[in-house]
Amino acid sequence: MKKSVITFFFAMIPSIATLLLLIEYFPYTGLGRVVSIPITLFFNITILIISLFITEKLKSRVFKSLIWFAAIPISVLVAIYLHPQEYLPSVLTQLRELIFSHTTK
């Protein structure tokens, strides 16, 4: 039980860090942030708890690692996808333009 709680909290670190970075770098959310942050946390907690239950049933260390390597990026993508923008394009669109803007010219 203690190991599961520690694993869960370590798996939550990327999600929390993503939320903090989104709040810092994409602040134009209006009142949508009041609703989106609890919903994002709920979805991320649900994803990680389901992953925790699945990995407790497995014996193979490789499969456990694969599940965690899939669950953590999914929770980060959920945080990015659910972050609202009031009048700018979505966060995914802004990130895509920022990363790939030099390739389209």
N, C-alpha and C. Protein backbone atom coordinates (compact mmCIF):
# COMPACT_ATOMS: atom_id res chain seq x y z
N MET A 1 0.82 -1.20 0.00
CA MET A 1 0.00 0.00 0.00
C MET A 1 0.86 1.26 0.00
N LYS A 2 1.90 1.27 0.82
CA LYS A 2 2.77 2.44 0.91
C LYS A 2 3.48 2.68 -0.42
N LYS A 3 3.92 1.61 -1.07
CA LYS A 3 4.59 1.74 -2.36
C LYS A 3 3.64 2.28 -3.42
N SER A 4 2.37 1.89 -3.36
CA SER A 4 1.38 2.38 -4.32
C SER A 4 1.15 3.88 -4.17
N VAL A 5 1.09 4.34 -2.94
CA VAL A 5 0.88 5.76 -2.70
C VAL A 5 2.08 6.57 -3.19
N ILE A 6 3.27 6.08 -2.92
CA ILE A 6 4.48 6.77 -3.37
C ILE A 6 4.53 6.80 -4.90
N THR A 7 4.21 5.68 -5.53
CA THR A 7 4.18 5.60 -6.99
C THR A 7 3.18 6.59 -7.57
N PHE A 8 2.01 6.65 -6.95
CA PHE A 8 0.97 7.57 -7.42
C PHE A 8 1.46 9.02 -7.33
N PHE A 9 2.04 9.39 -6.22
CA PHE A 9 2.50 10.78 -6.07
C PHE A 9 3.64 11.12 -7.03
N PHE A 10 4.53 10.17 -7.27
CA PHE A 10 5.59 10.41 -8.25
C PHE A 10 5.01 10.54 -9.66
N ALA A 11 3.96 9.77 -9.96
CA ALA A 11 3.33 9.85 -11.27
C ALA A 11 2.54 11.15 -11.44
N MET A 12 2.10 11.77 -10.35
CA MET A 12 1.37 13.03 -10.42
C MET A 12 2.28 14.23 -10.65
N ILE A 13 3.56 14.10 -10.38
CA ILE A 13 4.49 15.23 -10.51
C ILE A 13 4.48 15.83 -11.92
N PRO A 14 4.56 15.02 -13.00
CA PRO A 14 4.52 15.65 -14.34
C PRO A 14 3.20 16.38 -14.62
N SER A 15 2.09 15.85 -14.13
CA SER A 15 0.80 16.51 -14.35
C SER A 15 0.73 17.85 -13.62
N ILE A 16 1.17 17.86 -12.38
CA ILE A 16 1.15 19.10 -11.60
C ILE A 16 2.12 20.12 -12.23
N ALA A 17 3.30 19.65 -12.62
CA ALA A 17 4.27 20.56 -13.26
C ALA A 17 3.70 21.12 -14.56
N THR A 18 3.01 20.30 -15.33
CA THR A 18 2.40 20.76 -16.57
C THR A 18 1.34 21.82 -16.30
N LEU A 19 0.51 21.58 -15.29
CA LEU A 19 -0.51 22.57 -14.95
C LEU A 19 0.12 23.89 -14.53
N LEU A 20 1.16 23.82 -13.72
CA LEU A 20 1.83 25.05 -13.29
C LEU A 20 2.45 25.79 -14.46
N LEU A 21 3.08 25.06 -15.38
CA LEU A 21 3.66 25.69 -16.56
C LEU A 21 2.58 26.28 -17.48
N LEU A 22 1.47 25.60 -17.60
CA LEU A 22 0.38 26.12 -18.42
C LEU A 22 -0.19 27.40 -17.82
N ILE A 23 -0.33 27.43 -16.52
CA ILE A 23 -0.83 28.64 -15.85
C ILE A 23 0.16 29.79 -16.04
N GLU A 24 1.44 29.49 -15.99
CA GLU A 24 2.46 30.52 -16.13
C GLU A 24 2.56 31.05 -17.56
N TYR A 25 2.60 30.16 -18.54
CA TYR A 25 2.87 30.57 -19.92
C TYR A 25 1.64 30.78 -20.79
N PHE A 26 0.49 30.32 -20.35
CA PHE A 26 -0.76 30.51 -21.10
C PHE A 26 -1.82 31.05 -20.15
N PRO A 27 -1.67 32.31 -19.72
CA PRO A 27 -2.53 32.83 -18.65
C PRO A 27 -3.90 33.33 -19.12
N TYR A 28 -4.12 33.46 -20.41
CA TYR A 28 -5.36 34.09 -20.89
C TYR A 28 -6.51 33.10 -20.94
N THR A 29 -6.97 32.72 -19.76
CA THR A 29 -7.98 31.69 -19.67
C THR A 29 -9.36 32.21 -19.29
N GLY A 30 -9.44 33.42 -18.80
CA GLY A 30 -10.72 33.92 -18.31
C GLY A 30 -11.14 33.11 -17.10
N LEU A 31 -12.42 32.91 -16.96
CA LEU A 31 -12.93 32.12 -15.85
C LEU A 31 -12.89 30.63 -16.12
N GLY A 32 -12.48 30.25 -17.31
CA GLY A 32 -12.40 28.83 -17.66
C GLY A 32 -11.42 28.07 -16.80
N ARG A 33 -10.41 28.75 -16.29
CA ARG A 33 -9.42 28.08 -15.44
C ARG A 33 -10.05 27.56 -14.15
N VAL A 34 -11.04 28.28 -13.64
CA VAL A 34 -11.71 27.87 -12.40
C VAL A 34 -12.35 26.50 -12.56
N VAL A 35 -12.85 26.23 -13.74
CA VAL A 35 -13.51 24.95 -14.01
C VAL A 35 -12.52 23.91 -14.53
N SER A 36 -11.58 24.34 -15.38
CA SER A 36 -10.73 23.38 -16.06
C SER A 36 -9.69 22.73 -15.15
N ILE A 37 -9.16 23.43 -14.18
CA ILE A 37 -8.12 22.84 -13.33
C ILE A 37 -8.67 21.69 -12.49
N PRO A 38 -9.81 21.84 -11.80
CA PRO A 38 -10.33 20.67 -11.07
C PRO A 38 -10.70 19.50 -11.98
N ILE A 39 -11.25 19.80 -13.16
CA ILE A 39 -11.60 18.73 -14.10
C ILE A 39 -10.34 18.02 -14.58
N THR A 40 -9.30 18.79 -14.89
CA THR A 40 -8.04 18.22 -15.33
C THR A 40 -7.44 17.35 -14.24
N LEU A 41 -7.43 17.84 -13.02
CA LEU A 41 -6.91 17.03 -11.91
C LEU A 41 -7.72 15.75 -11.71
N PHE A 42 -9.03 15.85 -11.85
CA PHE A 42 -9.87 14.65 -11.71
C PHE A 42 -9.53 13.62 -12.78
N PHE A 43 -9.41 14.06 -14.04
CA PHE A 43 -9.08 13.13 -15.11
C PHE A 43 -7.69 12.52 -14.93
N ASN A 44 -6.72 13.35 -14.54
CA ASN A 44 -5.37 12.84 -14.36
C ASN A 44 -5.29 11.86 -13.19
N ILE A 45 -5.97 12.17 -12.10
CA ILE A 45 -6.00 11.25 -10.96
C ILE A 45 -6.66 9.94 -11.37
N THR A 46 -7.74 10.02 -12.13
CA THR A 46 -8.43 8.81 -12.59
C THR A 46 -7.53 7.96 -13.48
N ILE A 47 -6.84 8.61 -14.42
CA ILE A 47 -5.93 7.87 -15.31
C ILE A 47 -4.84 7.17 -14.51
N LEU A 48 -4.26 7.87 -13.55
CA LEU A 48 -3.16 7.29 -12.79
C LEU A 48 -3.62 6.23 -11.81
N ILE A 49 -4.80 6.37 -11.24
CA ILE A 49 -5.32 5.32 -10.35
C ILE A 49 -5.64 4.06 -11.14
N ILE A 50 -6.23 4.21 -12.31
CA ILE A 50 -6.49 3.04 -13.16
C ILE A 50 -5.18 2.36 -13.53
N SER A 51 -4.17 3.15 -13.88
CA SER A 51 -2.85 2.59 -14.20
C SER A 51 -2.25 1.88 -12.99
N LEU A 52 -2.45 2.44 -11.83
CA LEU A 52 -1.94 1.82 -10.61
C LEU A 52 -2.61 0.47 -10.35
N PHE A 53 -3.92 0.41 -10.54
CA PHE A 53 -4.63 -0.86 -10.34
C PHE A 53 -4.20 -1.90 -11.37
N ILE A 54 -3.98 -1.47 -12.59
CA ILE A 54 -3.55 -2.41 -13.63
C ILE A 54 -2.15 -2.93 -13.32
N THR A 55 -1.24 -2.04 -12.92
CA THR A 55 0.13 -2.48 -12.67
C THR A 55 0.25 -3.33 -11.41
N GLU A 56 -0.67 -3.17 -10.47
CA GLU A 56 -0.63 -4.04 -9.29
C GLU A 56 -0.98 -5.48 -9.65
N LYS A 57 -1.78 -5.66 -10.67
CA LYS A 57 -2.18 -7.01 -11.09
C LYS A 57 -1.11 -7.71 -11.92
N LEU A 58 -0.25 -6.94 -12.56
CA LEU A 58 0.76 -7.52 -13.44
C LEU A 58 1.99 -7.96 -12.66
N LYS A 59 2.63 -8.98 -13.17
CA LYS A 59 3.87 -9.45 -12.56
C LYS A 59 5.10 -9.00 -13.35
N SER A 60 4.93 -8.83 -14.64
CA SER A 60 6.06 -8.47 -15.50
C SER A 60 6.45 -7.02 -15.30
N ARG A 61 7.70 -6.80 -15.03
CA ARG A 61 8.22 -5.45 -14.83
C ARG A 61 8.20 -4.65 -16.13
N VAL A 62 8.36 -5.34 -17.23
CA VAL A 62 8.35 -4.67 -18.54
C VAL A 62 6.97 -4.10 -18.83
N PHE A 63 5.93 -4.89 -18.61
CA PHE A 63 4.57 -4.42 -18.86
C PHE A 63 4.20 -3.28 -17.91
N LYS A 64 4.64 -3.37 -16.66
CA LYS A 64 4.39 -2.29 -15.71
C LYS A 64 5.04 -1.00 -16.19
N SER A 65 6.26 -1.11 -16.66
CA SER A 65 6.96 0.07 -17.15
C SER A 65 6.27 0.65 -18.39
N LEU A 66 5.84 -0.21 -19.28
CA LEU A 66 5.15 0.26 -20.49
C LEU A 66 3.86 0.98 -20.14
N ILE A 67 3.13 0.47 -19.17
CA ILE A 67 1.88 1.13 -18.77
C ILE A 67 2.18 2.51 -18.19
N TRP A 68 3.21 2.61 -17.36
CA TRP A 68 3.54 3.92 -16.78
C TRP A 68 4.10 4.86 -17.84
N PHE A 69 4.88 4.33 -18.79
CA PHE A 69 5.40 5.18 -19.87
C PHE A 69 4.29 5.67 -20.78
N ALA A 70 3.15 4.99 -20.80
CA ALA A 70 2.00 5.45 -21.58
C ALA A 70 1.10 6.36 -20.74
N ALA A 71 0.89 6.03 -19.47
CA ALA A 71 -0.06 6.76 -18.64
C ALA A 71 0.40 8.18 -18.32
N ILE A 72 1.68 8.35 -18.04
CA ILE A 72 2.16 9.68 -17.65
C ILE A 72 2.08 10.67 -18.83
N PRO A 73 2.54 10.32 -20.04
CA PRO A 73 2.33 11.26 -21.15
C PRO A 73 0.86 11.51 -21.49
N ILE A 74 0.03 10.51 -21.31
CA ILE A 74 -1.41 10.72 -21.55
C ILE A 74 -1.95 11.74 -20.56
N SER A 75 -1.56 11.65 -19.30
CA SER A 75 -2.05 12.62 -18.31
C SER A 75 -1.53 14.03 -18.61
N VAL A 76 -0.32 14.14 -19.12
CA VAL A 76 0.21 15.45 -19.50
C VAL A 76 -0.55 16.00 -20.70
N LEU A 77 -0.82 15.16 -21.69
CA LEU A 77 -1.59 15.60 -22.86
C LEU A 77 -3.01 16.01 -22.49
N VAL A 78 -3.61 15.30 -21.54
CA VAL A 78 -4.94 15.68 -21.06
C VAL A 78 -4.89 17.07 -20.43
N ALA A 79 -3.85 17.33 -19.64
CA ALA A 79 -3.71 18.65 -19.02
C ALA A 79 -3.56 19.74 -20.08
N ILE A 80 -2.78 19.48 -21.10
CA ILE A 80 -2.58 20.47 -22.16
C ILE A 80 -3.87 20.67 -22.96
N TYR A 81 -4.54 19.58 -23.27
CA TYR A 81 -5.75 19.66 -24.10
C TYR A 81 -6.87 20.39 -23.38
N LEU A 82 -7.00 20.20 -22.06
CA LEU A 82 -8.11 20.79 -21.33
C LEU A 82 -7.84 22.21 -20.86
N HIS A 83 -6.64 22.72 -21.08
CA HIS A 83 -6.34 24.09 -20.64
C HIS A 83 -7.02 25.08 -21.58
N PRO A 84 -7.90 25.93 -21.07
CA PRO A 84 -8.66 26.83 -21.95
C PRO A 84 -7.86 28.07 -22.34
N GLN A 85 -8.27 28.69 -23.41
CA GLN A 85 -7.75 29.98 -23.82
C GLN A 85 -8.95 30.85 -24.15
N GLU A 86 -8.94 32.06 -23.64
CA GLU A 86 -10.12 32.93 -23.79
C GLU A 86 -10.28 33.43 -25.22
N TYR A 87 -9.25 34.03 -25.78
CA TYR A 87 -9.39 34.60 -27.12
C TYR A 87 -8.26 34.18 -28.06
N LEU A 88 -7.27 33.48 -27.57
CA LEU A 88 -6.19 32.98 -28.41
C LEU A 88 -6.53 31.58 -28.90
N PRO A 89 -5.79 31.07 -29.88
CA PRO A 89 -6.01 29.67 -30.28
C PRO A 89 -5.72 28.71 -29.12
N SER A 90 -6.08 27.47 -29.27
CA SER A 90 -5.85 26.50 -28.20
C SER A 90 -4.36 26.36 -27.91
N VAL A 91 -4.07 25.80 -26.75
CA VAL A 91 -2.67 25.63 -26.34
C VAL A 91 -1.94 24.72 -27.33
N LEU A 92 -2.59 23.66 -27.78
CA LEU A 92 -1.95 22.76 -28.75
C LEU A 92 -1.61 23.49 -30.04
N THR A 93 -2.49 24.35 -30.52
CA THR A 93 -2.22 25.11 -31.73
C THR A 93 -1.06 26.08 -31.51
N GLN A 94 -1.05 26.75 -30.37
CA GLN A 94 0.04 27.68 -30.09
C GLN A 94 1.38 26.96 -29.97
N LEU A 95 1.37 25.80 -29.32
CA LEU A 95 2.62 25.03 -29.20
C LEU A 95 3.09 24.53 -30.56
N ARG A 96 2.16 24.06 -31.38
CA ARG A 96 2.53 23.59 -32.71
C ARG A 96 3.12 24.72 -33.55
N GLU A 97 2.51 25.90 -33.49
CA GLU A 97 3.05 27.04 -34.23
C GLU A 97 4.41 27.46 -33.69
N LEU A 98 4.59 27.38 -32.39
CA LEU A 98 5.86 27.76 -31.79
C LEU A 98 6.97 26.78 -32.19
N ILE A 99 6.66 25.51 -32.18
CA ILE A 99 7.68 24.49 -32.46
C ILE A 99 7.96 24.39 -33.95
N PHE A 100 6.93 24.40 -34.77
CA PHE A 100 7.09 24.14 -36.19
C PHE A 100 6.98 25.38 -37.07
N SER A 101 7.08 26.57 -36.52
CA SER A 101 6.93 27.77 -37.32
C SER A 101 8.08 27.94 -38.31
N HIS A 102 9.26 27.51 -37.96
CA HIS A 102 10.40 27.67 -38.86
C HIS A 102 10.37 26.70 -40.04
N THR A 103 9.61 25.61 -39.95
CA THR A 103 9.56 24.65 -41.05
C THR A 103 8.55 25.03 -42.11
N THR A 104 7.60 25.92 -41.80
CA THR A 104 6.58 26.26 -42.77
C THR A 104 6.97 27.43 -43.67
N LYS A 105 8.06 28.08 -43.40
CA LYS A 105 8.45 29.24 -44.20
C LYS A 105 9.31 28.85 -45.37
